[in-house]
Amino acid sequence: MLLLQAEKNIIMTFKEVLLKLHNRYVYATVAFLVIILFVDPFNLFEQIKLQNSLYDQQQQIEYYEKELSESKQYLDKLKNDTATMEKVAREQYLMKRDNEVVYLIETQE
């Protein structure tokens, strides 16, 4: 009998829950959460968009830093290595030595 009475006291009905939540502190907390999550210019959704944008920009920064370092290495190679310099001159600018003939063969792809 005592056990049944304890279970009844533990389980509250919906009306009892509403009556317990019917005070100014709950209203103030709910209003604060609504304002912070939805109304504020820096609301939750805006923060998520900004976080995603920041992540994308960080990925771009890493990509461009990698490209920059590769370009610097290639430029250093071009300045100091005569074989690389000659290779670029022949392939990209179609330069040749005085006693050579260059034939261009184009393929259809």
PDB file of N, CA and C in Angstrom:
ATOM      1  N   MET A   1       0.822  -1.197   0.000  1.00  0.00           N
ATOM      2  CA  MET A   1       0.000   0.000   0.000  1.00  0.00           C
ATOM      3  C   MET A   1       0.863   1.257   0.000  1.00  0.00           C
ATOM      4  N   LEU A   2       1.885   1.240   0.817  1.00  0.00           N
ATOM      5  CA  LEU A   2       2.781   2.376   0.899  1.00  0.00           C
ATOM      6  C   LEU A   2       3.531   2.574  -0.416  1.00  0.00           C
ATOM      7  N   LEU A   3       3.863   1.451  -1.077  1.00  0.00           N
ATOM      8  CA  LEU A   3       4.566   1.504  -2.357  1.00  0.00           C
ATOM      9  C   LEU A   3       3.699   2.139  -3.431  1.00  0.00           C
ATOM     10  N   LEU A   4       2.425   1.816  -3.498  1.00  0.00           N
ATOM     11  CA  LEU A   4       1.514   2.402  -4.476  1.00  0.00           C
ATOM     12  C   LEU A   4       1.354   3.895  -4.246  1.00  0.00           C
ATOM     13  N   GLN A   5       1.281   4.293  -3.006  1.00  0.00           N
ATOM     14  CA  GLN A   5       1.144   5.711  -2.701  1.00  0.00           C
ATOM     15  C   GLN A   5       2.415   6.473  -3.092  1.00  0.00           C
ATOM     16  N   ALA A   6       3.570   5.892  -2.919  1.00  0.00           N
ATOM     17  CA  ALA A   6       4.827   6.527  -3.315  1.00  0.00           C
ATOM     18  C   ALA A   6       4.904   6.674  -4.827  1.00  0.00           C
ATOM     19  N   GLU A   7       4.456   5.652  -5.589  1.00  0.00           N
ATOM     20  CA  GLU A   7       4.447   5.730  -7.047  1.00  0.00           C
ATOM     21  C   GLU A   7       3.502   6.826  -7.526  1.00  0.00           C
ATOM     22  N   LYS A   8       2.369   7.000  -6.875  1.00  0.00           N
ATOM     23  CA  LYS A   8       1.418   8.047  -7.243  1.00  0.00           C
ATOM     24  C   LYS A   8       2.034   9.424  -7.031  1.00  0.00           C
ATOM     25  N   ASN A   9       2.784   9.594  -5.974  1.00  0.00           N
ATOM     26  CA  ASN A   9       3.406  10.878  -5.699  1.00  0.00           C
ATOM     27  C   ASN A   9       4.530  11.185  -6.678  1.00  0.00           C
ATOM     28  N   ILE A  10       5.227  10.154  -7.139  1.00  0.00           N
ATOM     29  CA  ILE A  10       6.341  10.354  -8.063  1.00  0.00           C
ATOM     30  C   ILE A  10       5.826  10.753  -9.444  1.00  0.00           C
ATOM     31  N   ILE A  11       4.820  10.078  -9.919  1.00  0.00           N
ATOM     32  CA  ILE A  11       4.276  10.352 -11.251  1.00  0.00           C
ATOM     33  C   ILE A  11       3.299  11.515 -11.147  1.00  0.00           C
ATOM     34  N   MET A  12       3.661  12.621 -11.818  1.00  0.00           N
ATOM     35  CA  MET A  12       2.800  13.800 -11.797  1.00  0.00           C
ATOM     36  C   MET A  12       1.979  13.827 -13.083  1.00  0.00           C
ATOM     37  N   THR A  13       0.831  14.360 -12.980  1.00  0.00           N
ATOM     38  CA  THR A  13       0.003  14.498 -14.172  1.00  0.00           C
ATOM     39  C   THR A  13       0.445  15.741 -14.931  1.00  0.00           C
ATOM     40  N   PHE A  14      -0.088  15.852 -16.137  1.00  0.00           N
ATOM     41  CA  PHE A  14       0.256  16.979 -17.004  1.00  0.00           C
ATOM     42  C   PHE A  14      -0.173  18.303 -16.369  1.00  0.00           C
ATOM     43  N   LYS A  15      -1.329  18.315 -15.738  1.00  0.00           N
ATOM     44  CA  LYS A  15      -1.805  19.537 -15.084  1.00  0.00           C
ATOM     45  C   LYS A  15      -0.880  19.961 -13.947  1.00  0.00           C
ATOM     46  N   GLU A  16      -0.402  18.980 -13.194  1.00  0.00           N
ATOM     47  CA  GLU A  16       0.505  19.301 -12.092  1.00  0.00           C
ATOM     48  C   GLU A  16       1.824  19.867 -12.612  1.00  0.00           C
ATOM     49  N   VAL A  17       2.300  19.321 -13.725  1.00  0.00           N
ATOM     50  CA  VAL A  17       3.536  19.836 -14.328  1.00  0.00           C
ATOM     51  C   VAL A  17       3.329  21.271 -14.779  1.00  0.00           C
ATOM     52  N   LEU A  18       2.194  21.554 -15.429  1.00  0.00           N
ATOM     53  CA  LEU A  18       1.907  22.918 -15.877  1.00  0.00           C
ATOM     54  C   LEU A  18       1.791  23.879 -14.698  1.00  0.00           C
ATOM     55  N   LEU A  19       1.202  23.418 -13.620  1.00  0.00           N
ATOM     56  CA  LEU A  19       1.087  24.286 -12.457  1.00  0.00           C
ATOM     57  C   LEU A  19       2.450  24.586 -11.855  1.00  0.00           C
ATOM     58  N   LYS A  20       3.356  23.615 -11.860  1.00  0.00           N
ATOM     59  CA  LYS A  20       4.701  23.854 -11.316  1.00  0.00           C
ATOM     60  C   LYS A  20       5.499  24.795 -12.224  1.00  0.00           C
ATOM     61  N   LEU A  21       5.240  24.737 -13.537  1.00  0.00           N
ATOM     62  CA  LEU A  21       5.949  25.598 -14.471  1.00  0.00           C
ATOM     63  C   LEU A  21       5.324  26.981 -14.593  1.00  0.00           C
ATOM     64  N   HIS A  22       4.260  27.213 -13.897  1.00  0.00           N
ATOM     65  CA  HIS A  22       3.544  28.487 -13.982  1.00  0.00           C
ATOM     66  C   HIS A  22       4.109  29.473 -12.955  1.00  0.00           C
ATOM     67  N   ASN A  23       5.325  30.023 -13.297  1.00  0.00           N
ATOM     68  CA  ASN A  23       5.881  31.080 -12.464  1.00  0.00           C
ATOM     69  C   ASN A  23       6.759  31.980 -13.338  1.00  0.00           C
ATOM     70  N   ARG A  24       7.125  33.100 -12.796  1.00  0.00           N
ATOM     71  CA  ARG A  24       7.815  34.115 -13.584  1.00  0.00           C
ATOM     72  C   ARG A  24       9.235  33.702 -13.986  1.00  0.00           C
ATOM     73  N   TYR A  25       9.885  32.840 -13.222  1.00  0.00           N
ATOM     74  CA  TYR A  25      11.245  32.420 -13.550  1.00  0.00           C
ATOM     75  C   TYR A  25      11.269  31.529 -14.796  1.00  0.00           C
ATOM     76  N   VAL A  26      10.295  30.681 -14.893  1.00  0.00           N
ATOM     77  CA  VAL A  26      10.187  29.821 -16.086  1.00  0.00           C
ATOM     78  C   VAL A  26       9.882  30.687 -17.301  1.00  0.00           C
ATOM     79  N   TYR A  27       8.976  31.643 -17.161  1.00  0.00           N
ATOM     80  CA  TYR A  27       8.644  32.529 -18.280  1.00  0.00           C
ATOM     81  C   TYR A  27       9.863  33.344 -18.713  1.00  0.00           C
ATOM     82  N   ALA A  28      10.596  33.841 -17.753  1.00  0.00           N
ATOM     83  CA  ALA A  28      11.785  34.639 -18.078  1.00  0.00           C
ATOM     84  C   ALA A  28      12.836  33.777 -18.772  1.00  0.00           C
ATOM     85  N   THR A  29      13.012  32.562 -18.301  1.00  0.00           N
ATOM     86  CA  THR A  29      13.984  31.659 -18.929  1.00  0.00           C
ATOM     87  C   THR A  29      13.576  31.311 -20.347  1.00  0.00           C
ATOM     88  N   VAL A  30      12.328  31.013 -20.561  1.00  0.00           N
ATOM     89  CA  VAL A  30      11.832  30.685 -21.909  1.00  0.00           C
ATOM     90  C   VAL A  30      11.974  31.891 -22.827  1.00  0.00           C
ATOM     91  N   ALA A  31      11.620  33.068 -22.345  1.00  0.00           N
ATOM     92  CA  ALA A  31      11.751  34.278 -23.170  1.00  0.00           C
ATOM     93  C   ALA A  31      13.216  34.527 -23.525  1.00  0.00           C
ATOM     94  N   PHE A  32      14.096  34.356 -22.570  1.00  0.00           N
ATOM     95  CA  PHE A  32      15.523  34.537 -22.820  1.00  0.00           C
ATOM     96  C   PHE A  32      16.019  33.553 -23.872  1.00  0.00           C
ATOM     97  N   LEU A  33      15.645  32.298 -23.753  1.00  0.00           N
ATOM     98  CA  LEU A  33      16.075  31.286 -24.731  1.00  0.00           C
ATOM     99  C   LEU A  33      15.534  31.571 -26.130  1.00  0.00           C
ATOM    100  N   VAL A  34      14.294  32.012 -26.213  1.00  0.00           N
ATOM    101  CA  VAL A  34      13.708  32.338 -27.520  1.00  0.00           C
ATOM    102  C   VAL A  34      14.452  33.499 -28.156  1.00  0.00           C
ATOM    103  N   ILE A  35      14.744  34.507 -27.368  1.00  0.00           N
ATOM    104  CA  ILE A  35      15.465  35.669 -27.902  1.00  0.00           C
ATOM    105  C   ILE A  35      16.865  35.263 -28.353  1.00  0.00           C
ATOM    106  N   ILE A  36      17.571  34.525 -27.560  1.00  0.00           N
ATOM    107  CA  ILE A  36      18.944  34.135 -27.894  1.00  0.00           C
ATOM    108  C   ILE A  36      18.975  33.188 -29.091  1.00  0.00           C
ATOM    109  N   LEU A  37      18.061  32.239 -29.148  1.00  0.00           N
ATOM    110  CA  LEU A  37      18.101  31.229 -30.200  1.00  0.00           C
ATOM    111  C   LEU A  37      17.514  31.698 -31.526  1.00  0.00           C
ATOM    112  N   PHE A  38      16.556  32.600 -31.515  1.00  0.00           N
ATOM    113  CA  PHE A  38      15.849  32.919 -32.750  1.00  0.00           C
ATOM    114  C   PHE A  38      15.847  34.393 -33.135  1.00  0.00           C
ATOM    115  N   VAL A  39      15.722  35.304 -32.193  1.00  0.00           N
ATOM    116  CA  VAL A  39      15.489  36.713 -32.493  1.00  0.00           C
ATOM    117  C   VAL A  39      16.779  37.507 -32.623  1.00  0.00           C
ATOM    118  N   ASP A  40      17.753  37.231 -31.824  1.00  0.00           N
ATOM    119  CA  ASP A  40      19.010  37.969 -31.779  1.00  0.00           C
ATOM    120  C   ASP A  40      19.714  37.951 -33.143  1.00  0.00           C
ATOM    121  N   PRO A  41      20.378  39.042 -33.549  1.00  0.00           N
ATOM    122  CA  PRO A  41      21.090  39.048 -34.841  1.00  0.00           C
ATOM    123  C   PRO A  41      22.182  37.975 -34.934  1.00  0.00           C
ATOM    124  N   PHE A  42      22.740  37.591 -33.822  1.00  0.00           N
ATOM    125  CA  PHE A  42      23.744  36.522 -33.799  1.00  0.00           C
ATOM    126  C   PHE A  42      23.138  35.265 -33.177  1.00  0.00           C
ATOM    127  N   ASN A  43      21.986  34.859 -33.717  1.00  0.00           N
ATOM    128  CA  ASN A  43      21.283  33.711 -33.162  1.00  0.00           C
ATOM    129  C   ASN A  43      22.006  32.408 -33.490  1.00  0.00           C
ATOM    130  N   LEU A  44      21.440  31.332 -33.054  1.00  0.00           N
ATOM    131  CA  LEU A  44      22.045  30.014 -33.204  1.00  0.00           C
ATOM    132  C   LEU A  44      22.295  29.664 -34.675  1.00  0.00           C
ATOM    133  N   PHE A  45      21.335  29.932 -35.525  1.00  0.00           N
ATOM    134  CA  PHE A  45      21.458  29.579 -36.938  1.00  0.00           C
ATOM    135  C   PHE A  45      22.539  30.411 -37.623  1.00  0.00           C
ATOM    136  N   GLU A  46      22.603  31.676 -37.259  1.00  0.00           N
ATOM    137  CA  GLU A  46      23.647  32.550 -37.812  1.00  0.00           C
ATOM    138  C   GLU A  46      25.033  32.084 -37.354  1.00  0.00           C
ATOM    139  N   GLN A  47      25.139  31.649 -36.113  1.00  0.00           N
ATOM    140  CA  GLN A  47      26.416  31.148 -35.598  1.00  0.00           C
ATOM    141  C   GLN A  47      26.850  29.887 -36.344  1.00  0.00           C
ATOM    142  N   ILE A  48      25.911  29.018 -36.667  1.00  0.00           N
ATOM    143  CA  ILE A  48      26.241  27.802 -37.414  1.00  0.00           C
ATOM    144  C   ILE A  48      26.715  28.165 -38.817  1.00  0.00           C
ATOM    145  N   LYS A  49      26.031  29.105 -39.472  1.00  0.00           N
ATOM    146  CA  LYS A  49      26.463  29.542 -40.811  1.00  0.00           C
ATOM    147  C   LYS A  49      27.855  30.162 -40.761  1.00  0.00           C
ATOM    148  N   LEU A  50      28.101  31.007 -39.762  1.00  0.00           N
ATOM    149  CA  LEU A  50      29.409  31.640 -39.629  1.00  0.00           C
ATOM    150  C   LEU A  50      30.503  30.611 -39.354  1.00  0.00           C
ATOM    151  N   GLN A  51      30.184  29.607 -38.564  1.00  0.00           N
ATOM    152  CA  GLN A  51      31.162  28.563 -38.262  1.00  0.00           C
ATOM    153  C   GLN A  51      31.509  27.774 -39.528  1.00  0.00           C
ATOM    154  N   ASN A  52      30.508  27.456 -40.335  1.00  0.00           N
ATOM    155  CA  ASN A  52      30.757  26.745 -41.590  1.00  0.00           C
ATOM    156  C   ASN A  52      31.568  27.599 -42.554  1.00  0.00           C
ATOM    157  N   SER A  53      31.262  28.864 -42.621  1.00  0.00           N
ATOM    158  CA  SER A  53      32.007  29.783 -43.481  1.00  0.00           C
ATOM    159  C   SER A  53      33.462  29.886 -43.026  1.00  0.00           C
ATOM    160  N   LEU A  54      33.669  29.968 -41.732  1.00  0.00           N
ATOM    161  CA  LEU A  54      35.028  30.028 -41.196  1.00  0.00           C
ATOM    162  C   LEU A  54      35.810  28.766 -41.542  1.00  0.00           C
ATOM    163  N   TYR A  55      35.170  27.620 -41.433  1.00  0.00           N
ATOM    164  CA  TYR A  55      35.829  26.356 -41.776  1.00  0.00           C
ATOM    165  C   TYR A  55      36.216  26.326 -43.251  1.00  0.00           C
ATOM    166  N   ASP A  56      35.297  26.764 -44.130  1.00  0.00           N
ATOM    167  CA  ASP A  56      35.598  26.800 -45.561  1.00  0.00           C
ATOM    168  C   ASP A  56      36.761  27.737 -45.860  1.00  0.00           C
ATOM    169  N   GLN A  57      36.787  28.883 -45.223  1.00  0.00           N
ATOM    170  CA  GLN A  57      37.867  29.834 -45.462  1.00  0.00           C
ATOM    171  C   GLN A  57      39.198  29.314 -44.934  1.00  0.00           C
ATOM    172  N   GLN A  58      39.183  28.593 -43.840  1.00  0.00           N
ATOM    173  CA  GLN A  58      40.413  27.991 -43.338  1.00  0.00           C
ATOM    174  C   GLN A  58      40.935  26.935 -44.308  1.00  0.00           C
ATOM    175  N   GLN A  59      40.016  26.181 -44.911  1.00  0.00           N
ATOM    176  CA  GLN A  59      40.427  25.192 -45.911  1.00  0.00           C
ATOM    177  C   GLN A  59      41.042  25.881 -47.123  1.00  0.00           C
ATOM    178  N   GLN A  60      40.470  27.005 -47.545  1.00  0.00           N
ATOM    179  CA  GLN A  60      41.024  27.759 -48.674  1.00  0.00           C
ATOM    180  C   GLN A  60      42.408  28.304 -48.332  1.00  0.00           C
ATOM    181  N   ILE A  61      42.579  28.800 -47.126  1.00  0.00           N
ATOM    182  CA  ILE A  61      43.882  29.335 -46.710  1.00  0.00           C
ATOM    183  C   ILE A  61      44.935  28.235 -46.764  1.00  0.00           C
ATOM    184  N   GLU A  62      44.607  27.049 -46.262  1.00  0.00           N
ATOM    185  CA  GLU A  62      45.550  25.936 -46.307  1.00  0.00           C
ATOM    186  C   GLU A  62      45.894  25.565 -47.743  1.00  0.00           C
ATOM    187  N   TYR A  63      44.884  25.541 -48.615  1.00  0.00           N
ATOM    188  CA  TYR A  63      45.108  25.198 -50.014  1.00  0.00           C
ATOM    189  C   TYR A  63      46.043  26.209 -50.674  1.00  0.00           C
ATOM    190  N   TYR A  64      45.778  27.491 -50.477  1.00  0.00           N
ATOM    191  CA  TYR A  64      46.597  28.523 -51.124  1.00  0.00           C
ATOM    192  C   TYR A  64      48.000  28.596 -50.529  1.00  0.00           C
ATOM    193  N   GLU A  65      48.136  28.313 -49.244  1.00  0.00           N
ATOM    194  CA  GLU A  65      49.486  28.261 -48.660  1.00  0.00           C
ATOM    195  C   GLU A  65      50.290  27.114 -49.264  1.00  0.00           C
ATOM    196  N   LYS A  66      49.631  25.992 -49.487  1.00  0.00           N
ATOM    197  CA  LYS A  66      50.302  24.850 -50.115  1.00  0.00           C
ATOM    198  C   LYS A  66      50.700  25.199 -51.550  1.00  0.00           C
ATOM    199  N   GLU A  67      49.789  25.812 -52.289  1.00  0.00           N
ATOM    200  CA  GLU A  67      50.083  26.211 -53.668  1.00  0.00           C
ATOM    201  C   GLU A  67      51.230  27.229 -53.710  1.00  0.00           C
ATOM    202  N   LEU A  68      51.235  28.149 -52.772  1.00  0.00           N
ATOM    203  CA  LEU A  68      52.284  29.167 -52.720  1.00  0.00           C
ATOM    204  C   LEU A  68      53.641  28.533 -52.454  1.00  0.00           C
ATOM    205  N   SER A  69      53.692  27.599 -51.534  1.00  0.00           N
ATOM    206  CA  SER A  69      54.982  26.955 -51.243  1.00  0.00           C
ATOM    207  C   SER A  69      55.463  26.142 -52.443  1.00  0.00           C
ATOM    208  N   GLU A  70      54.542  25.465 -53.137  1.00  0.00           N
ATOM    209  CA  GLU A  70      54.933  24.717 -54.337  1.00  0.00           C
ATOM    210  C   GLU A  70      55.431  25.660 -55.431  1.00  0.00           C
ATOM    211  N   SER A  71      54.770  26.792 -55.589  1.00  0.00           N
ATOM    212  CA  SER A  71      55.192  27.763 -56.599  1.00  0.00           C
ATOM    213  C   SER A  71      56.559  28.354 -56.263  1.00  0.00           C
ATOM    214  N   LYS A  72      56.799  28.613 -54.984  1.00  0.00           N
ATOM    215  CA  LYS A  72      58.101  29.136 -54.570  1.00  0.00           C
ATOM    216  C   LYS A  72      59.214  28.122 -54.837  1.00  0.00           C
ATOM    217  N   GLN A  73      58.930  26.853 -54.563  1.00  0.00           N
ATOM    218  CA  GLN A  73      59.929  25.814 -54.844  1.00  0.00           C
ATOM    219  C   GLN A  73      60.207  25.725 -56.341  1.00  0.00           C
ATOM    220  N   TYR A  74      59.161  25.794 -57.143  1.00  0.00           N
ATOM    221  CA  TYR A  74      59.315  25.720 -58.599  1.00  0.00           C
ATOM    222  C   TYR A  74      60.098  26.932 -59.119  1.00  0.00           C
ATOM    223  N   LEU A  75      59.807  28.113 -58.606  1.00  0.00           N
ATOM    224  CA  LEU A  75      60.519  29.319 -59.003  1.00  0.00           C
ATOM    225  C   LEU A  75      61.988  29.239 -58.610  1.00  0.00           C
ATOM    226  N   ASP A  76      62.260  28.745 -57.410  1.00  0.00           N
ATOM    227  CA  ASP A  76      63.640  28.579 -56.973  1.00  0.00           C
ATOM    228  C   ASP A  76      64.376  27.592 -57.878  1.00  0.00           C
ATOM    229  N   LYS A  77      63.681  26.525 -58.249  1.00  0.00           N
ATOM    230  CA  LYS A  77      64.261  25.546 -59.165  1.00  0.00           C
ATOM    231  C   LYS A  77      64.560  26.183 -60.524  1.00  0.00           C
ATOM    232  N   LEU A  78      63.636  27.002 -61.005  1.00  0.00           N
ATOM    233  CA  LEU A  78      63.830  27.675 -62.298  1.00  0.00           C
ATOM    234  C   LEU A  78      65.018  28.630 -62.259  1.00  0.00           C
ATOM    235  N   LYS A  79      65.175  29.325 -61.150  1.00  0.00           N
ATOM    236  CA  LYS A  79      66.267  30.302 -61.043  1.00  0.00           C
ATOM    237  C   LYS A  79      67.629  29.623 -60.951  1.00  0.00           C
ATOM    238  N   ASN A  80      67.693  28.478 -60.283  1.00  0.00           N
ATOM    239  CA  ASN A  80      68.987  27.880 -59.969  1.00  0.00           C
ATOM    240  C   ASN A  80      69.361  26.671 -60.819  1.00  0.00           C
ATOM    241  N   ASP A  81      68.396  25.967 -61.375  1.00  0.00           N
ATOM    242  CA  ASP A  81      68.677  24.736 -62.100  1.00  0.00           C
ATOM    243  C   ASP A  81      68.549  24.985 -63.603  1.00  0.00           C
ATOM    244  N   THR A  82      69.649  24.839 -64.322  1.00  0.00           N
ATOM    245  CA  THR A  82      69.623  25.114 -65.769  1.00  0.00           C
ATOM    246  C   THR A  82      68.850  24.047 -66.530  1.00  0.00           C
ATOM    247  N   ALA A  83      68.834  22.810 -66.043  1.00  0.00           N
ATOM    248  CA  ALA A  83      68.086  21.757 -66.727  1.00  0.00           C
ATOM    249  C   ALA A  83      66.587  22.038 -66.674  1.00  0.00           C
ATOM    250  N   THR A  84      66.111  22.476 -65.518  1.00  0.00           N
ATOM    251  CA  THR A  84      64.690  22.815 -65.387  1.00  0.00           C
ATOM    252  C   THR A  84      64.354  24.026 -66.247  1.00  0.00           C
ATOM    253  N   MET A  85      65.257  25.005 -66.256  1.00  0.00           N
ATOM    254  CA  MET A  85      65.048  26.194 -67.072  1.00  0.00           C
ATOM    255  C   MET A  85      64.940  25.816 -68.552  1.00  0.00           C
ATOM    256  N   GLU A  86      65.832  24.951 -69.010  1.00  0.00           N
ATOM    257  CA  GLU A  86      65.812  24.529 -70.414  1.00  0.00           C
ATOM    258  C   GLU A  86      64.544  23.732 -70.723  1.00  0.00           C
ATOM    259  N   LYS A  87      64.118  22.875 -69.801  1.00  0.00           N
ATOM    260  CA  LYS A  87      62.911  22.076 -69.998  1.00  0.00           C
ATOM    261  C   LYS A  87      61.682  22.978 -70.164  1.00  0.00           C
ATOM    262  N   VAL A  88      61.560  23.976 -69.320  1.00  0.00           N
ATOM    263  CA  VAL A  88      60.422  24.896 -69.402  1.00  0.00           C
ATOM    264  C   VAL A  88      60.480  25.696 -70.695  1.00  0.00           C
ATOM    265  N   ALA A  89      61.663  26.153 -71.068  1.00  0.00           N
ATOM    266  CA  ALA A  89      61.801  26.936 -72.295  1.00  0.00           C
ATOM    267  C   ALA A  89      61.417  26.105 -73.507  1.00  0.00           C
ATOM    268  N   ARG A  90      61.807  24.845 -73.529  1.00  0.00           N
ATOM    269  CA  ARG A  90      61.489  23.992 -74.671  1.00  0.00           C
ATOM    270  C   ARG A  90      60.013  23.616 -74.711  1.00  0.00           C
ATOM    271  N   GLU A  91      59.445  23.240 -73.563  1.00  0.00           N
ATOM    272  CA  GLU A  91      58.071  22.739 -73.542  1.00  0.00           C
ATOM    273  C   GLU A  91      57.033  23.850 -73.640  1.00  0.00           C
ATOM    274  N   GLN A  92      57.218  24.921 -72.908  1.00  0.00           N
ATOM    275  CA  GLN A  92      56.175  25.941 -72.852  1.00  0.00           C
ATOM    276  C   GLN A  92      56.359  27.041 -73.894  1.00  0.00           C
ATOM    277  N   TYR A  93      57.597  27.393 -74.196  1.00  0.00           N
ATOM    278  CA  TYR A  93      57.835  28.511 -75.103  1.00  0.00           C
ATOM    279  C   TYR A  93      58.371  28.077 -76.460  1.00  0.00           C
ATOM    280  N   LEU A  94      58.451  26.764 -76.683  1.00  0.00           N
ATOM    281  CA  LEU A  94      58.873  26.181 -77.957  1.00  0.00           C
ATOM    282  C   LEU A  94      60.211  26.737 -78.441  1.00  0.00           C
ATOM    283  N   MET A  95      61.116  26.955 -77.536  1.00  0.00           N
ATOM    284  CA  MET A  95      62.444  27.444 -77.904  1.00  0.00           C
ATOM    285  C   MET A  95      63.305  26.254 -78.318  1.00  0.00           C
ATOM    286  N   LYS A  96      64.316  26.526 -79.158  1.00  0.00           N
ATOM    287  CA  LYS A  96      65.192  25.467 -79.650  1.00  0.00           C
ATOM    288  C   LYS A  96      66.602  25.996 -79.766  1.00  0.00           C
ATOM    289  N   ARG A  97      67.513  25.068 -79.906  1.00  0.00           N
ATOM    290  CA  ARG A  97      68.891  25.460 -80.133  1.00  0.00           C
ATOM    291  C   ARG A  97      69.056  25.790 -81.604  1.00  0.00           C
ATOM    292  N   ASP A  98      70.187  26.412 -81.964  1.00  0.00           N
ATOM    293  CA  ASP A  98      70.397  26.861 -83.338  1.00  0.00           C
ATOM    294  C   ASP A  98      70.415  25.713 -84.342  1.00  0.00           C
ATOM    295  N   ASN A  99      70.933  24.581 -83.984  1.00  0.00           N
ATOM    296  CA  ASN A  99      71.065  23.496 -84.948  1.00  0.00           C
ATOM    297  C   ASN A  99      69.943  22.465 -84.829  1.00  0.00           C
ATOM    298  N   GLU A 100      68.815  22.787 -84.206  1.00  0.00           N
ATOM    299  CA  GLU A 100      67.721  21.844 -84.025  1.00  0.00           C
ATOM    300  C   GLU A 100      66.504  22.262 -84.842  1.00  0.00           C
ATOM    301  N   VAL A 101      65.664  21.258 -85.140  1.00  0.00           N
ATOM    302  CA  VAL A 101      64.374  21.498 -85.778  1.00  0.00           C
ATOM    303  C   VAL A 101      63.315  20.913 -84.839  1.00  0.00           C
ATOM    304  N   VAL A 102      62.262  21.683 -84.590  1.00  0.00           N
ATOM    305  CA  VAL A 102      61.210  21.245 -83.677  1.00  0.00           C
ATOM    306  C   VAL A 102      59.969  20.914 -84.484  1.00  0.00           C
ATOM    307  N   TYR A 103      59.441  19.727 -84.265  1.00  0.00           N
ATOM    308  CA  TYR A 103      58.204  19.305 -84.905  1.00  0.00           C
ATOM    309  C   TYR A 103      57.123  19.191 -83.821  1.00  0.00           C
ATOM    310  N   LEU A 104      56.008  19.831 -84.063  1.00  0.00           N
ATOM    311  CA  LEU A 104      54.880  19.763 -83.129  1.00  0.00           C
ATOM    312  C   LEU A 104      53.884  18.748 -83.640  1.00  0.00           C
ATOM    313  N   ILE A 105      53.525  17.814 -82.794  1.00  0.00           N
ATOM    314  CA  ILE A 105      52.525  16.797 -83.149  1.00  0.00           C
ATOM    315  C   ILE A 105      51.353  16.981 -82.198  1.00  0.00           C
ATOM    316  N   GLU A 106      50.227  17.312 -82.745  1.00  0.00           N
ATOM    317  CA  GLU A 106      49.024  17.504 -81.938  1.00  0.00           C
ATOM    318  C   GLU A 106      48.142  16.283 -82.075  1.00  0.00           C
ATOM    319  N   THR A 107      47.600  15.845 -80.967  1.00  0.00           N
ATOM    320  CA  THR A 107      46.691  14.708 -80.977  1.00  0.00           C
ATOM    321  C   THR A 107      45.283  15.204 -80.661  1.00  0.00           C
ATOM    322  N   GLN A 108      44.293  14.490 -81.166  1.00  0.00           N
ATOM    323  CA  GLN A 108      42.915  14.867 -80.892  1.00  0.00           C
ATOM    324  C   GLN A 108      42.410  14.077 -79.691  1.00  0.00           C
ATOM    325  N   GLU A 109      42.030  14.787 -78.661  1.00  0.00           N
ATOM    326  CA  GLU A 109      41.499  14.152 -77.465  1.00  0.00           C
ATOM    327  C   GLU A 109      40.312  14.904 -76.970  1.00  0.00           C
TER     328      GLU A 109
END
